[in-house]
C-alpha atoms as a PDB file:
ATOM      1  CA  MET A   1       0.011   0.009  -0.007  1.00  0.00           C
ATOM      2  CA  ASN A   2       1.206   3.529  -0.789  1.00  0.00           C
ATOM      3  CA  SER A   3       0.374   6.273   1.610  1.00  0.00           C
ATOM      4  CA  GLU A   4       0.520  10.088   1.637  1.00  0.00           C
ATOM      5  CA  ILE A   5       1.217  11.985   4.895  1.00  0.00           C
ATOM      6  CA  THR A   6      -1.391  14.657   5.382  1.00  0.00           C
ATOM      7  CA  GLY A   7      -0.625  15.974   8.836  1.00  0.00           C
ATOM      8  CA  PHE A   8       1.088  15.572  12.147  1.00  0.00           C
ATOM      9  CA  LEU A   9      -0.883  14.168  15.126  1.00  0.00           C
ATOM     10  CA  GLY A  10       1.661  14.304  17.912  1.00  0.00           C
ATOM     11  CA  THR A  11       4.532  12.616  19.714  1.00  0.00           C
ATOM     12  CA  LEU A  12       5.004  10.140  22.532  1.00  0.00           C
ATOM     13  CA  SER A  13       8.153   9.885  24.482  1.00  0.00           C
ATOM     14  CA  GLY A  14       9.540   8.294  27.608  1.00  0.00           C
ATOM     15  CA  LYS A  15      10.199   4.947  29.191  1.00  0.00           C
ATOM     16  CA  ARG A  16       7.875   2.259  28.030  1.00  0.00           C
ATOM     17  CA  PRO A  17       6.119   0.317  30.849  1.00  0.00           C
ATOM     18  CA  GLY A  18       7.615  -3.057  31.457  1.00  0.00           C
ATOM     19  CA  ILE A  19      10.656  -2.646  29.173  1.00  0.00           C
ATOM     20  CA  TRP A  20      13.999  -0.968  29.582  1.00  0.00           C
ATOM     21  CA  ILE A  21      14.052   1.311  26.550  1.00  0.00           C
ATOM     22  CA  HIS A  22      13.124   4.972  26.077  1.00  0.00           C
ATOM     23  CA  ALA A  23      11.510   5.799  22.825  1.00  0.00           C
ATOM     24  CA  VAL A  24      10.120   8.722  20.817  1.00  0.00           C
ATOM     25  CA  ASP A  25       7.252   8.032  18.547  1.00  0.00           C
ATOM     26  CA  ILE A  26       6.011  10.499  15.864  1.00  0.00           C
ATOM     27  CA  VAL A  27       2.477   9.904  14.780  1.00  0.00           C
ATOM     28  CA  TYR A  28       1.337  11.133  11.393  1.00  0.00           C
ATOM     29  CA  GLU A  29      -2.028  11.355   9.789  1.00  0.00           C
ATOM     30  CA  GLY A  30      -2.279  10.079   6.200  1.00  0.00           C
ATOM     31  CA  ARG A  31      -4.373   8.633   3.488  1.00  0.00           C
ATOM     32  CA  VAL A  32      -4.191   5.701   1.124  1.00  0.00           C
ATOM     33  CA  ALA A  33      -2.629   6.808  -2.152  1.00  0.00           C
ATOM     34  CA  GLY A  34      -2.705   3.486  -4.017  1.00  0.00           C
ATOM     35  CA  GLY A  35      -1.585  -0.113  -3.961  1.00  0.00           C
ATOM     36  CA  ALA A  36      -2.957  -2.872  -1.802  1.00  0.00           C
ATOM     37  CA  LEU A  37      -2.472  -4.097   1.729  1.00  0.00           C
ATOM     38  CA  SER A  38      -0.095  -7.087   2.087  1.00  0.00           C
ATOM     39  CA  ASP A  39       1.174  -9.061   4.959  1.00  0.00           C
ATOM     40  CA  SER A  40       4.870  -9.081   5.867  1.00  0.00           C
ATOM     41  CA  GLY A  41       7.351 -10.925   8.026  1.00  0.00           C
ATOM     42  CA  GLU A  42       6.381  -8.628  10.871  1.00  0.00           C
ATOM     43  CA  GLY A  43       2.733  -9.657  10.893  1.00  0.00           C
ATOM     44  CA  TRP A  44      -0.689  -9.540   9.322  1.00  0.00           C
ATOM     45  CA  VAL A  45      -2.230  -6.340   7.875  1.00  0.00           C
ATOM     46  CA  ARG A  46      -5.906  -5.664   8.603  1.00  0.00           C
ATOM     47  CA  TRP A  47      -8.165  -2.632   8.661  1.00  0.00           C
ATOM     48  CA  VAL A  48      -9.709  -2.427  12.111  1.00  0.00           C
ATOM     49  CA  ASN A  49     -12.402  -0.377  13.837  1.00  0.00           C
ATOM     50  CA  LEU A  50     -10.710   1.352  16.744  1.00  0.00           C
ATOM     51  CA  ALA A  51     -13.743   0.874  18.943  1.00  0.00           C
ATOM     52  CA  GLU A  52     -13.314  -2.866  18.616  1.00  0.00           C
ATOM     53  CA  VAL A  53      -9.621  -2.989  19.460  1.00  0.00           C
ATOM     54  CA  ARG A  54      -9.418  -0.057  21.877  1.00  0.00           C
ATOM     55  CA  GLU A  55      -8.409  -2.165  24.845  1.00  0.00           C
ATOM     56  CA  GLN A  56      -5.462  -3.743  22.870  1.00  0.00           C
ATOM     57  CA  VAL A  57      -3.844  -0.432  21.956  1.00  0.00           C
ATOM     58  CA  ALA A  58      -0.429  -0.274  23.546  1.00  0.00           C
ATOM     59  CA  PHE A  59       1.385   2.424  25.483  1.00  0.00           C
ATOM     60  CA  ASP A  60      -0.287   5.911  25.328  1.00  0.00           C
ATOM     61  CA  TYR A  61      -1.307   5.872  21.663  1.00  0.00           C
ATOM     62  CA  LEU A  62      -4.962   6.397  22.598  1.00  0.00           C
ATOM     63  CA  LYS A  63      -4.020   9.923  23.807  1.00  0.00           C
ATOM     64  CA  ILE A  64      -3.167  10.823  20.197  1.00  0.00           C
ATOM     65  CA  LEU A  65      -5.880   8.705  18.508  1.00  0.00           C
ATOM     66  CA  ASP A  66      -8.594  10.367  20.676  1.00  0.00           C
ATOM     67  CA  LYS A  67      -7.605  13.620  18.992  1.00  0.00           C
ATOM     68  CA  LEU A  68      -9.104  12.236  15.805  1.00  0.00           C
ATOM     69  CA  SER A  69     -12.632  11.949  17.172  1.00  0.00           C
END
């Protein structure tokens, strides 16, 4: 799948709960620009409804995703 970045949603930083690393995540907003979804060695690709997987979202990503609603 090809994508186009359309905006910046926010950043998350700090120590991750339960692990020893510190990380900075940059979260962008985008749109599909072509191509097709395809699985990779890292896992399966699926479109999901956030309301259905909300309890499975890791770290503090919901703080940023809630800005979308």
